Amino acid sequence: MTRETLFNLAVLAGLVALPLYAHLADEPFTITLATRAVILSLAAVGLNIALGVGGLVSLGHAVFFGIGGYAMGILAFHAQNYMPLFEAPFLIEGTKSMPVIWLVAVIASALAALVIGLLSLRTSGVYFIMITLAFGQMFYYFAISWSAYGGEDGMSIYVRNGFPGLNTLIPIQFYGLCLAALVLALGFNGALARSRFGLALNAARQVPDRVRAVGLDPFRLRLIAFTISGAITGLAGALFADLNRFVSPTMFSWQLSGEFIVFIIIGGTARLFGPVVGACLFVVLEHYIGGWSDYWHIWFGLLLLVIVLFGRGGVIGLIAGKARAHG
């Protein structure tokens, strides 16, 4: 068992133990902070499939996060106000059921990623970055002008959506759902990276000409990875909206896309738990240093600078060494 695997297990154990302790100590705010970290980790795990394995630096991944959030917001809004989504040609109503909302969020985000990927993946490098950024800004300004769902002010959901057999208003139970989603996404990411598809995608990132020579299409490989990546990030968006019981155009902002990339860089690009470590560090610094100063981003920026200059493998690389392990 490698040092990276041991470190990953320790991080996972911490994600289980800390909220349980907070629950026993009656500290619901700590559980809420942990839930936020887990959801942001899930969003970055989705991006890590495209960025870490496929080498696709997307500055528009908040599009899928926002689509997931608005899928939840719209369905819950219509359910709480007893307004059907559509009445013709057949009746479609809103819902407060998390499994249904998650399914809609994943499908909508995957379709958006497929369309955006078909257009943007025909470019590479800085052009790809700029096209994904442009799509992000398009969705952001569309959400601002969408007055039916709050426009610039966003939209509030009065009661958290439900999951069969659980009371999601109890912080530890909702946290358990979010952690389960993260663990499943990490398991899927690890399996994908070791699969033939993952190896081919990694090869397409490094030597696309050789991949073409053996009869594989790098464009198709990247498109599939980008679509899967968008679907996972969309699920995170739905969970994030449920956590806050609020959705707004800021879920589409390019700054949020940049934060997802920073999570991966700090934790370790292409490292399985890299997004988790980066997101957790971000939430901890935001809470504790942000309580001392409004300029806490300066300290976070210094941490990022140190890692980029002296620890190319991120925090996990510094702890576990240079060898990459997806387990």
C-alpha atoms as a PDB file:
ATOM      1  CA  MET A   1       0.000   0.000   0.000  1.00  0.00           C
ATOM      2  CA  THR A   2       1.504   3.322  -1.097  1.00  0.00           C
ATOM      3  CA  ARG A   3       1.856   6.448   1.028  1.00  0.00           C
ATOM      4  CA  GLU A   4      -0.697   8.169  -1.192  1.00  0.00           C
ATOM      5  CA  THR A   5      -3.257   5.426  -0.565  1.00  0.00           C
ATOM      6  CA  LEU A   6      -2.668   5.649   3.182  1.00  0.00           C
ATOM      7  CA  PHE A   7      -3.047   9.426   3.034  1.00  0.00           C
ATOM      8  CA  ASN A   8      -6.264   9.087   1.015  1.00  0.00           C
ATOM      9  CA  LEU A   9      -7.682   6.691   3.599  1.00  0.00           C
ATOM     10  CA  ALA A  10      -6.730   9.107   6.369  1.00  0.00           C
ATOM     11  CA  VAL A  11      -8.541  11.967   4.576  1.00  0.00           C
ATOM     12  CA  LEU A  12     -11.622   9.782   4.122  1.00  0.00           C
ATOM     13  CA  ALA A  13     -11.537   8.760   7.783  1.00  0.00           C
ATOM     14  CA  GLY A  14     -11.351  12.436   8.750  1.00  0.00           C
ATOM     15  CA  LEU A  15     -14.382  13.217   6.589  1.00  0.00           C
ATOM     16  CA  VAL A  16     -16.303  10.564   8.508  1.00  0.00           C
ATOM     17  CA  ALA A  17     -14.977  11.229  12.013  1.00  0.00           C
ATOM     18  CA  LEU A  18     -15.113  15.051  12.170  1.00  0.00           C
ATOM     19  CA  PRO A  19     -18.847  15.436  11.382  1.00  0.00           C
ATOM     20  CA  LEU A  20     -19.698  12.545  13.713  1.00  0.00           C
ATOM     21  CA  TYR A  21     -17.810  14.278  16.523  1.00  0.00           C
ATOM     22  CA  ALA A  22     -19.550  17.562  15.677  1.00  0.00           C
ATOM     23  CA  HIS A  23     -22.908  15.782  15.774  1.00  0.00           C
ATOM     24  CA  LEU A  24     -22.199  14.281  19.192  1.00  0.00           C
ATOM     25  CA  ALA A  25     -20.895  17.646  20.446  1.00  0.00           C
ATOM     26  CA  ASP A  26     -24.016  19.395  19.076  1.00  0.00           C
ATOM     27  CA  GLU A  27     -22.083  21.636  16.682  1.00  0.00           C
ATOM     28  CA  PRO A  28     -24.301  21.761  13.564  1.00  0.00           C
ATOM     29  CA  PHE A  29     -22.328  24.630  12.024  1.00  0.00           C
ATOM     30  CA  THR A  30     -19.215  22.432  11.819  1.00  0.00           C
ATOM     31  CA  ILE A  31     -21.274  19.807   9.994  1.00  0.00           C
ATOM     32  CA  THR A  32     -22.496  22.491   7.565  1.00  0.00           C
ATOM     33  CA  LEU A  33     -18.900  23.563   6.883  1.00  0.00           C
ATOM     34  CA  ALA A  34     -17.927  19.940   6.260  1.00  0.00           C
ATOM     35  CA  THR A  35     -20.915  19.528   3.942  1.00  0.00           C
ATOM     36  CA  ARG A  36     -19.826  22.562   1.937  1.00  0.00           C
ATOM     37  CA  ALA A  37     -16.303  21.165   1.649  1.00  0.00           C
ATOM     38  CA  VAL A  38     -17.602  17.774   0.485  1.00  0.00           C
ATOM     39  CA  ILE A  39     -19.891  19.299  -2.163  1.00  0.00           C
ATOM     40  CA  LEU A  40     -17.132  21.542  -3.532  1.00  0.00           C
ATOM     41  CA  SER A  41     -14.868  18.476  -3.537  1.00  0.00           C
ATOM     42  CA  LEU A  42     -17.450  16.621  -5.636  1.00  0.00           C
ATOM     43  CA  ALA A  43     -17.572  19.475  -8.157  1.00  0.00           C
ATOM     44  CA  ALA A  44     -13.771  19.488  -8.426  1.00  0.00           C
ATOM     45  CA  VAL A  45     -13.670  15.678  -8.739  1.00  0.00           C
ATOM     46  CA  GLY A  46     -15.858  16.101 -11.805  1.00  0.00           C
ATOM     47  CA  LEU A  47     -13.475  18.690 -13.270  1.00  0.00           C
ATOM     48  CA  ASN A  48     -10.480  16.484 -12.408  1.00  0.00           C
ATOM     49  CA  ILE A  49     -11.672  13.903 -14.941  1.00  0.00           C
ATOM     50  CA  ALA A  50     -11.393  16.487 -17.702  1.00  0.00           C
ATOM     51  CA  LEU A  51      -8.370  18.380 -16.363  1.00  0.00           C
ATOM     52  CA  GLY A  52      -6.319  15.782 -14.508  1.00  0.00           C
ATOM     53  CA  VAL A  53      -6.732  12.851 -16.890  1.00  0.00           C
ATOM     54  CA  GLY A  54      -7.678  14.615 -20.117  1.00  0.00           C
ATOM     55  CA  GLY A  55      -5.601  17.777 -19.724  1.00  0.00           C
ATOM     56  CA  LEU A  56      -8.606  20.018 -20.475  1.00  0.00           C
ATOM     57  CA  VAL A  57      -8.316  23.319 -18.615  1.00  0.00           C
ATOM     58  CA  SER A  58     -11.926  24.507 -18.485  1.00  0.00           C
ATOM     59  CA  LEU A  59     -12.760  27.983 -17.175  1.00  0.00           C
ATOM     60  CA  GLY A  60     -16.448  27.320 -17.733  1.00  0.00           C
ATOM     61  CA  HIS A  61     -17.142  24.329 -15.511  1.00  0.00           C
ATOM     62  CA  ALA A  62     -19.320  26.469 -13.269  1.00  0.00           C
ATOM     63  CA  VAL A  63     -21.851  26.233 -16.141  1.00  0.00           C
ATOM     64  CA  PHE A  64     -22.592  22.650 -15.163  1.00  0.00           C
ATOM     65  CA  PHE A  65     -22.537  23.503 -11.455  1.00  0.00           C
ATOM     66  CA  GLY A  66     -25.074  26.249 -12.126  1.00  0.00           C
ATOM     67  CA  ILE A  67     -27.257  24.052 -14.336  1.00  0.00           C
ATOM     68  CA  GLY A  68     -27.412  21.476 -11.547  1.00  0.00           C
ATOM     69  CA  GLY A  69     -28.292  24.194  -9.055  1.00  0.00           C
ATOM     70  CA  TYR A  70     -31.020  25.690 -11.238  1.00  0.00           C
ATOM     71  CA  ALA A  71     -32.427  22.226 -12.008  1.00  0.00           C
ATOM     72  CA  MET A  72     -32.943  21.805  -8.275  1.00  0.00           C
ATOM     73  CA  GLY A  73     -34.200  25.367  -7.815  1.00  0.00           C
ATOM     74  CA  ILE A  74     -36.729  25.284 -10.645  1.00  0.00           C
ATOM     75  CA  LEU A  75     -38.174  21.882  -9.747  1.00  0.00           C
ATOM     76  CA  ALA A  76     -38.418  22.750  -6.043  1.00  0.00           C
ATOM     77  CA  PHE A  77     -39.796  26.237  -6.780  1.00  0.00           C
ATOM     78  CA  HIS A  78     -42.678  24.831  -8.812  1.00  0.00           C
ATOM     79  CA  ALA A  79     -43.352  22.152  -6.200  1.00  0.00           C
ATOM     80  CA  GLN A  80     -43.456  24.574  -3.247  1.00  0.00           C
ATOM     81  CA  ASN A  81     -45.711  27.000  -5.133  1.00  0.00           C
ATOM     82  CA  TYR A  82     -47.948  24.259  -6.594  1.00  0.00           C
ATOM     83  CA  MET A  83     -47.286  25.492 -10.109  1.00  0.00           C
ATOM     84  CA  PRO A  84     -46.812  22.988 -12.959  1.00  0.00           C
ATOM     85  CA  LEU A  85     -43.714  23.322 -15.105  1.00  0.00           C
ATOM     86  CA  PHE A  86     -45.692  22.578 -18.259  1.00  0.00           C
ATOM     87  CA  GLU A  87     -49.363  21.928 -18.902  1.00  0.00           C
ATOM     88  CA  ALA A  88     -49.310  21.157 -22.608  1.00  0.00           C
ATOM     89  CA  PRO A  89     -49.057  18.759 -24.344  1.00  0.00           C
ATOM     90  CA  PHE A  90     -48.982  16.935 -20.980  1.00  0.00           C
ATOM     91  CA  LEU A  91     -48.712  17.948 -17.347  1.00  0.00           C
ATOM     92  CA  ILE A  92     -45.214  18.134 -15.811  1.00  0.00           C
ATOM     93  CA  GLU A  93     -45.033  19.191 -12.185  1.00  0.00           C
ATOM     94  CA  GLY A  94     -42.196  20.218  -9.893  1.00  0.00           C
ATOM     95  CA  THR A  95     -40.824  17.878  -7.252  1.00  0.00           C
ATOM     96  CA  LYS A  96     -39.141  17.922  -3.849  1.00  0.00           C
ATOM     97  CA  SER A  97     -37.652  14.442  -4.288  1.00  0.00           C
ATOM     98  CA  MET A  98     -33.849  14.500  -4.267  1.00  0.00           C
ATOM     99  CA  PRO A  99     -33.352  11.382  -6.437  1.00  0.00           C
ATOM    100  CA  VAL A 100     -35.545  12.854  -9.203  1.00  0.00           C
ATOM    101  CA  ILE A 101     -33.834  16.242  -8.928  1.00  0.00           C
ATOM    102  CA  TRP A 102     -30.395  14.625  -9.071  1.00  0.00           C
ATOM    103  CA  LEU A 103     -31.361  12.670 -12.178  1.00  0.00           C
ATOM    104  CA  VAL A 104     -32.605  15.822 -13.915  1.00  0.00           C
ATOM    105  CA  ALA A 105     -29.493  17.761 -12.832  1.00  0.00           C
ATOM    106  CA  VAL A 106     -27.119  15.070 -14.114  1.00  0.00           C
ATOM    107  CA  ILE A 107     -28.910  14.671 -17.453  1.00  0.00           C
ATOM    108  CA  ALA A 108     -29.219  18.432 -18.044  1.00  0.00           C
ATOM    109  CA  SER A 109     -25.554  19.030 -17.154  1.00  0.00           C
ATOM    110  CA  ALA A 110     -24.376  16.112 -19.295  1.00  0.00           C
ATOM    111  CA  LEU A 111     -26.348  17.386 -22.309  1.00  0.00           C
ATOM    112  CA  ALA A 112     -24.928  20.886 -21.832  1.00  0.00           C
ATOM    113  CA  ALA A 113     -21.411  19.459 -21.551  1.00  0.00           C
ATOM    114  CA  LEU A 114     -21.962  17.417 -24.713  1.00  0.00           C
ATOM    115  CA  VAL A 115     -23.041  20.465 -26.722  1.00  0.00           C
ATOM    116  CA  ILE A 116     -20.332  22.743 -25.303  1.00  0.00           C
ATOM    117  CA  GLY A 117     -17.740  20.003 -25.812  1.00  0.00           C
ATOM    118  CA  LEU A 118     -18.745  19.471 -29.440  1.00  0.00           C
ATOM    119  CA  LEU A 119     -17.978  23.137 -30.102  1.00  0.00           C
ATOM    120  CA  SER A 120     -15.071  23.905 -27.772  1.00  0.00           C
ATOM    121  CA  LEU A 121     -13.036  20.698 -28.134  1.00  0.00           C
ATOM    122  CA  ARG A 122     -12.308  21.520 -31.754  1.00  0.00           C
ATOM    123  CA  THR A 123      -9.802  23.973 -30.296  1.00  0.00           C
ATOM    124  CA  SER A 124      -7.004  23.506 -27.780  1.00  0.00           C
ATOM    125  CA  GLY A 125      -4.794  25.434 -25.395  1.00  0.00           C
ATOM    126  CA  VAL A 126      -5.720  29.037 -24.681  1.00  0.00           C
ATOM    127  CA  TYR A 127      -8.493  28.965 -27.297  1.00  0.00           C
ATOM    128  CA  PHE A 128     -10.243  26.137 -25.462  1.00  0.00           C
ATOM    129  CA  ILE A 129      -9.914  28.043 -22.184  1.00  0.00           C
ATOM    130  CA  MET A 130     -11.416  31.179 -23.714  1.00  0.00           C
ATOM    131  CA  ILE A 131     -14.322  29.350 -25.377  1.00  0.00           C
ATOM    132  CA  THR A 132     -15.306  27.619 -22.134  1.00  0.00           C
ATOM    133  CA  LEU A 133     -15.029  30.989 -20.371  1.00  0.00           C
ATOM    134  CA  ALA A 134     -17.307  32.521 -23.013  1.00  0.00           C
ATOM    135  CA  PHE A 135     -19.933  29.820 -22.477  1.00  0.00           C
ATOM    136  CA  GLY A 136     -19.750  30.429 -18.736  1.00  0.00           C
ATOM    137  CA  GLN A 137     -20.385  34.149 -19.211  1.00  0.00           C
ATOM    138  CA  MET A 138     -23.274  33.454 -21.584  1.00  0.00           C
ATOM    139  CA  PHE A 139     -25.041  31.296 -18.989  1.00  0.00           C
ATOM    140  CA  TYR A 140     -24.228  33.791 -16.237  1.00  0.00           C
ATOM    141  CA  TYR A 141     -25.840  36.724 -18.040  1.00  0.00           C
ATOM    142  CA  PHE A 142     -28.770  34.587 -19.139  1.00  0.00           C
ATOM    143  CA  ALA A 143     -29.443  33.680 -15.488  1.00  0.00           C
ATOM    144  CA  ILE A 144     -29.260  37.365 -14.516  1.00  0.00           C
ATOM    145  CA  SER A 145     -31.922  38.212 -17.097  1.00  0.00           C
ATOM    146  CA  TRP A 146     -34.152  35.200 -16.261  1.00  0.00           C
ATOM    147  CA  SER A 147     -36.688  37.156 -14.225  1.00  0.00           C
ATOM    148  CA  ALA A 148     -39.094  34.214 -13.945  1.00  0.00           C
ATOM    149  CA  TYR A 149     -36.626  32.609 -11.520  1.00  0.00           C
ATOM    150  CA  GLY A 150     -35.370  35.608  -9.594  1.00  0.00           C
ATOM    151  CA  GLY A 151     -32.967  37.110 -12.117  1.00  0.00           C
ATOM    152  CA  GLU A 152     -30.014  38.771 -10.425  1.00  0.00           C
ATOM    153  CA  ASP A 153     -31.553  38.290  -6.951  1.00  0.00           C
ATOM    154  CA  GLY A 154     -31.676  34.515  -7.239  1.00  0.00           C
ATOM    155  CA  MET A 155     -34.352  32.227  -5.874  1.00  0.00           C
ATOM    156  CA  SER A 156     -34.981  30.852  -2.370  1.00  0.00           C
ATOM    157  CA  ILE A 157     -36.285  27.388  -1.543  1.00  0.00           C
ATOM    158  CA  TYR A 158     -38.068  27.354   1.792  1.00  0.00           C
ATOM    159  CA  VAL A 159     -37.603  23.714   2.823  1.00  0.00           C
ATOM    160  CA  ARG A 160     -34.786  21.333   1.888  1.00  0.00           C
ATOM    161  CA  ASN A 161     -35.795  18.592  -0.526  1.00  0.00           C
ATOM    162  CA  GLY A 162     -36.442  15.082   0.732  1.00  0.00           C
ATOM    163  CA  PHE A 163     -34.757  11.714   0.391  1.00  0.00           C
ATOM    164  CA  PRO A 164     -36.637   8.447   1.109  1.00  0.00           C
ATOM    165  CA  GLY A 165     -36.037   7.210   4.659  1.00  0.00           C
ATOM    166  CA  LEU A 166     -34.046  10.262   5.780  1.00  0.00           C
ATOM    167  CA  ASN A 167     -34.741  13.631   7.368  1.00  0.00           C
ATOM    168  CA  THR A 168     -32.512  15.881   5.280  1.00  0.00           C
ATOM    169  CA  LEU A 169     -33.131  18.834   7.593  1.00  0.00           C
ATOM    170  CA  ILE A 170     -30.920  17.055  10.155  1.00  0.00           C
ATOM    171  CA  PRO A 171     -27.391  18.227   9.195  1.00  0.00           C
ATOM    172  CA  ILE A 172     -25.628  14.896   9.771  1.00  0.00           C
ATOM    173  CA  GLN A 173     -28.097  13.016   7.565  1.00  0.00           C
ATOM    174  CA  PHE A 174     -27.753  15.445   4.673  1.00  0.00           C
ATOM    175  CA  TYR A 175     -23.977  15.326   5.142  1.00  0.00           C
ATOM    176  CA  GLY A 176     -24.106  11.536   4.873  1.00  0.00           C
ATOM    177  CA  LEU A 177     -25.858  11.818   1.497  1.00  0.00           C
ATOM    178  CA  CYS A 178     -23.259  14.278   0.201  1.00  0.00           C
ATOM    179  CA  LEU A 179     -20.359  12.153   1.455  1.00  0.00           C
ATOM    180  CA  ALA A 180     -21.855   9.045  -0.168  1.00  0.00           C
ATOM    181  CA  ALA A 181     -22.084  10.913  -3.489  1.00  0.00           C
ATOM    182  CA  LEU A 182     -18.436  12.003  -3.147  1.00  0.00           C
ATOM    183  CA  VAL A 183     -17.227   8.480  -2.337  1.00  0.00           C
ATOM    184  CA  LEU A 184     -19.102   7.063  -5.345  1.00  0.00           C
ATOM    185  CA  ALA A 185     -17.620   9.755  -7.595  1.00  0.00           C
ATOM    186  CA  LEU A 186     -14.110   9.044  -6.288  1.00  0.00           C
ATOM    187  CA  GLY A 187     -14.599   5.324  -6.851  1.00  0.00           C
ATOM    188  CA  PHE A 188     -15.821   5.968 -10.373  1.00  0.00           C
ATOM    189  CA  ASN A 189     -12.920   8.350 -11.047  1.00  0.00           C
ATOM    190  CA  GLY A 190     -10.376   5.813  -9.811  1.00  0.00           C
ATOM    191  CA  ALA A 191     -11.896   3.020 -11.889  1.00  0.00           C
ATOM    192  CA  LEU A 192     -12.085   5.238 -14.964  1.00  0.00           C
ATOM    193  CA  ALA A 193      -8.439   6.311 -14.652  1.00  0.00           C
ATOM    194  CA  ARG A 194      -7.343   2.639 -14.574  1.00  0.00           C
ATOM    195  CA  SER A 195      -9.686   1.533 -17.357  1.00  0.00           C
ATOM    196  CA  ARG A 196      -8.766   1.230 -21.009  1.00  0.00           C
ATOM    197  CA  PHE A 197     -10.727   4.397 -21.665  1.00  0.00           C
ATOM    198  CA  GLY A 198      -8.788   6.275 -18.988  1.00  0.00           C
ATOM    199  CA  LEU A 199      -5.448   5.064 -20.315  1.00  0.00           C
ATOM    200  CA  ALA A 200      -6.439   6.052 -23.848  1.00  0.00           C
ATOM    201  CA  LEU A 201      -7.593   9.481 -22.624  1.00  0.00           C
ATOM    202  CA  ASN A 202      -4.293   9.999 -20.817  1.00  0.00           C
ATOM    203  CA  ALA A 203      -2.427   8.984 -23.971  1.00  0.00           C
ATOM    204  CA  ALA A 204      -4.535  11.401 -26.036  1.00  0.00           C
ATOM    205  CA  ARG A 205      -3.425  14.168 -23.675  1.00  0.00           C
ATOM    206  CA  GLN A 206       0.263  13.315 -24.082  1.00  0.00           C
ATOM    207  CA  VAL A 207       0.676  11.938 -27.627  1.00  0.00           C
ATOM    208  CA  PRO A 208      -2.538  12.397 -29.659  1.00  0.00           C
ATOM    209  CA  ASP A 209      -0.842  11.417 -32.942  1.00  0.00           C
ATOM    210  CA  ARG A 210       0.035   7.975 -31.607  1.00  0.00           C
ATOM    211  CA  VAL A 211      -3.529   7.524 -30.370  1.00  0.00           C
ATOM    212  CA  ARG A 212      -4.791   8.272 -33.880  1.00  0.00           C
ATOM    213  CA  ALA A 213      -2.245   5.836 -35.293  1.00  0.00           C
ATOM    214  CA  VAL A 214      -3.803   2.940 -33.340  1.00  0.00           C
ATOM    215  CA  GLY A 215      -7.294   3.801 -34.589  1.00  0.00           C
ATOM    216  CA  LEU A 216      -8.667   5.861 -31.680  1.00  0.00           C
ATOM    217  CA  ASP A 217     -10.178   9.318 -31.975  1.00  0.00           C
ATOM    218  CA  PRO A 218      -8.760  11.790 -29.402  1.00  0.00           C
ATOM    219  CA  PHE A 219     -11.699  14.153 -29.993  1.00  0.00           C
ATOM    220  CA  ARG A 220     -14.228  11.481 -29.089  1.00  0.00           C
ATOM    221  CA  LEU A 221     -12.268  10.449 -26.003  1.00  0.00           C
ATOM    222  CA  ARG A 222     -12.104  14.051 -24.773  1.00  0.00           C
ATOM    223  CA  LEU A 223     -15.779  14.630 -25.528  1.00  0.00           C
ATOM    224  CA  ILE A 224     -16.847  11.603 -23.475  1.00  0.00           C
ATOM    225  CA  ALA A 225     -14.606  12.681 -20.591  1.00  0.00           C
ATOM    226  CA  PHE A 226     -15.910  16.258 -20.776  1.00  0.00           C
ATOM    227  CA  THR A 227     -19.520  15.036 -20.728  1.00  0.00           C
ATOM    228  CA  ILE A 228     -18.944  12.766 -17.720  1.00  0.00           C
ATOM    229  CA  SER A 229     -17.091  15.586 -16.002  1.00  0.00           C
ATOM    230  CA  GLY A 230     -19.993  17.985 -16.536  1.00  0.00           C
ATOM    231  CA  ALA A 231     -22.533  15.463 -15.229  1.00  0.00           C
ATOM    232  CA  ILE A 232     -20.677  14.978 -11.929  1.00  0.00           C
ATOM    233  CA  THR A 233     -20.199  18.721 -11.460  1.00  0.00           C
ATOM    234  CA  GLY A 234     -23.923  19.200 -12.158  1.00  0.00           C
ATOM    235  CA  LEU A 235     -24.794  16.779  -9.352  1.00  0.00           C
ATOM    236  CA  ALA A 236     -22.600  18.836  -7.023  1.00  0.00           C
ATOM    237  CA  GLY A 237     -24.493  21.964  -8.077  1.00  0.00           C
ATOM    238  CA  ALA A 238     -27.831  20.401  -7.130  1.00  0.00           C
ATOM    239  CA  LEU A 239     -26.461  19.414  -3.712  1.00  0.00           C
ATOM    240  CA  PHE A 240     -24.962  22.863  -3.171  1.00  0.00           C
ATOM    241  CA  ALA A 241     -28.302  24.523  -3.949  1.00  0.00           C
ATOM    242  CA  ASP A 242     -30.010  22.169  -1.501  1.00  0.00           C
ATOM    243  CA  LEU A 243     -27.439  22.956   1.180  1.00  0.00           C
ATOM    244  CA  ASN A 244     -28.058  26.698   0.883  1.00  0.00           C
ATOM    245  CA  ARG A 245     -31.708  26.399  -0.158  1.00  0.00           C
ATOM    246  CA  PHE A 246     -30.888  29.162  -2.612  1.00  0.00           C
ATOM    247  CA  VAL A 247     -29.750  29.474  -6.215  1.00  0.00           C
ATOM    248  CA  SER A 248     -28.376  32.550  -7.969  1.00  0.00           C
ATOM    249  CA  PRO A 249     -26.417  33.505 -11.125  1.00  0.00           C
ATOM    250  CA  THR A 250     -23.173  33.451  -9.100  1.00  0.00           C
ATOM    251  CA  MET A 251     -23.259  29.664  -9.475  1.00  0.00           C
ATOM    252  CA  PHE A 252     -22.291  30.285 -13.136  1.00  0.00           C
ATOM    253  CA  SER A 253     -19.474  32.744 -12.392  1.00  0.00           C
ATOM    254  CA  TRP A 254     -16.028  32.254 -13.906  1.00  0.00           C
ATOM    255  CA  GLN A 255     -14.509  32.891 -10.460  1.00  0.00           C
ATOM    256  CA  LEU A 256     -16.128  29.675  -9.248  1.00  0.00           C
ATOM    257  CA  SER A 257     -14.686  27.793 -12.230  1.00  0.00           C
ATOM    258  CA  GLY A 258     -11.289  29.191 -11.274  1.00  0.00           C
ATOM    259  CA  GLU A 259     -11.739  27.995  -7.693  1.00  0.00           C
ATOM    260  CA  PHE A 260     -12.412  24.444  -8.909  1.00  0.00           C
ATOM    261  CA  ILE A 261      -9.125  24.531 -10.836  1.00  0.00           C
ATOM    262  CA  VAL A 262      -7.304  25.903  -7.785  1.00  0.00           C
ATOM    263  CA  PHE A 263      -8.669  23.068  -5.615  1.00  0.00           C
ATOM    264  CA  ILE A 264      -7.157  20.534  -8.009  1.00  0.00           C
ATOM    265  CA  ILE A 265      -3.802  22.332  -8.254  1.00  0.00           C
ATOM    266  CA  ILE A 266      -3.462  22.668  -4.468  1.00  0.00           C
ATOM    267  CA  GLY A 267      -4.426  19.066  -3.762  1.00  0.00           C
ATOM    268  CA  GLY A 268      -2.562  17.620  -6.729  1.00  0.00           C
ATOM    269  CA  THR A 269      -3.517  17.483 -10.414  1.00  0.00           C
ATOM    270  CA  ALA A 270      -4.657  13.984 -11.486  1.00  0.00           C
ATOM    271  CA  ARG A 271      -4.422  12.772  -7.875  1.00  0.00           C
ATOM    272  CA  LEU A 272      -7.568  10.936  -6.864  1.00  0.00           C
ATOM    273  CA  PHE A 273      -8.040  12.858  -3.603  1.00  0.00           C
ATOM    274  CA  GLY A 274      -6.412  16.060  -4.881  1.00  0.00           C
ATOM    275  CA  PRO A 275      -9.730  17.913  -5.336  1.00  0.00           C
ATOM    276  CA  VAL A 276     -10.861  16.796  -1.872  1.00  0.00           C
ATOM    277  CA  VAL A 277      -7.742  18.060  -0.127  1.00  0.00           C
ATOM    278  CA  GLY A 278      -7.809  21.343  -2.067  1.00  0.00           C
ATOM    279  CA  ALA A 279     -11.501  22.013  -1.370  1.00  0.00           C
ATOM    280  CA  CYS A 280     -11.154  21.186   2.327  1.00  0.00           C
ATOM    281  CA  LEU A 281      -8.149  23.506   2.688  1.00  0.00           C
ATOM    282  CA  PHE A 282     -10.072  26.266   0.910  1.00  0.00           C
ATOM    283  CA  VAL A 283     -13.107  25.956   3.215  1.00  0.00           C
ATOM    284  CA  VAL A 284     -10.930  25.823   6.353  1.00  0.00           C
ATOM    285  CA  LEU A 285      -8.907  28.885   5.333  1.00  0.00           C
ATOM    286  CA  GLU A 286     -12.028  30.754   4.237  1.00  0.00           C
ATOM    287  CA  HIS A 287     -13.676  30.149   7.609  1.00  0.00           C
ATOM    288  CA  TYR A 288     -10.829  30.607  10.049  1.00  0.00           C
ATOM    289  CA  ILE A 289      -8.588  33.158   8.328  1.00  0.00           C
ATOM    290  CA  GLY A 290     -11.650  34.918   6.900  1.00  0.00           C
ATOM    291  CA  GLY A 291     -12.774  35.460  10.482  1.00  0.00           C
ATOM    292  CA  TRP A 292      -9.593  37.443  11.153  1.00  0.00           C
ATOM    293  CA  SER A 293      -9.393  39.447   7.951  1.00  0.00           C
ATOM    294  CA  ASP A 294     -11.454  40.265   4.866  1.00  0.00           C
ATOM    295  CA  TYR A 295      -8.252  39.811   2.848  1.00  0.00           C
ATOM    296  CA  TRP A 296      -7.844  36.092   3.557  1.00  0.00           C
ATOM    297  CA  HIS A 297      -7.496  35.438  -0.201  1.00  0.00           C
ATOM    298  CA  ILE A 298      -3.979  36.886   0.067  1.00  0.00           C
ATOM    299  CA  TRP A 299      -2.927  34.015   2.332  1.00  0.00           C
ATOM    300  CA  PHE A 300      -4.682  31.503   0.131  1.00  0.00           C
ATOM    301  CA  GLY A 301      -2.881  32.993  -2.872  1.00  0.00           C
ATOM    302  CA  LEU A 302       0.465  32.642  -1.085  1.00  0.00           C
ATOM    303  CA  LEU A 303      -0.303  28.972  -0.407  1.00  0.00           C
ATOM    304  CA  LEU A 304      -1.105  28.465  -4.087  1.00  0.00           C
ATOM    305  CA  LEU A 305       2.095  30.269  -5.109  1.00  0.00           C
ATOM    306  CA  VAL A 306       4.249  28.096  -2.829  1.00  0.00           C
ATOM    307  CA  ILE A 307       2.667  24.906  -4.154  1.00  0.00           C
ATOM    308  CA  VAL A 308       3.035  25.922  -7.799  1.00  0.00           C
ATOM    309  CA  LEU A 309       6.695  26.865  -7.285  1.00  0.00           C
ATOM    310  CA  PHE A 310       7.871  24.111  -4.947  1.00  0.00           C
ATOM    311  CA  GLY A 311       5.302  21.318  -4.990  1.00  0.00           C
ATOM    312  CA  ARG A 312       4.126  20.563  -8.505  1.00  0.00           C
ATOM    313  CA  GLY A 313       2.305  17.460  -7.225  1.00  0.00           C
ATOM    314  CA  GLY A 314       0.255  19.540  -4.815  1.00  0.00           C
ATOM    315  CA  VAL A 315      -0.170  18.796  -1.120  1.00  0.00           C
ATOM    316  CA  ILE A 316      -0.542  15.082  -1.831  1.00  0.00           C
ATOM    317  CA  GLY A 317       2.608  15.116  -3.946  1.00  0.00           C
ATOM    318  CA  LEU A 318       4.550  16.738  -1.083  1.00  0.00           C
ATOM    319  CA  ILE A 319       3.312  14.115   1.356  1.00  0.00           C
ATOM    320  CA  ALA A 320       3.221  10.999  -0.807  1.00  0.00           C
ATOM    321  CA  GLY A 321       6.038  11.649  -3.266  1.00  0.00           C
ATOM    322  CA  LYS A 322       6.014  12.044  -7.032  1.00  0.00           C
ATOM    323  CA  ALA A 323       4.441   8.734  -8.008  1.00  0.00           C
ATOM    324  CA  ARG A 324       0.779   9.035  -8.846  1.00  0.00           C
ATOM    325  CA  ALA A 325      -1.696   6.565  -7.478  1.00  0.00           C
ATOM    326  CA  HIS A 326      -5.430   6.500  -8.142  1.00  0.00           C
ATOM    327  CA  GLY A 327      -6.280   4.541  -5.060  1.00  0.00           C
END
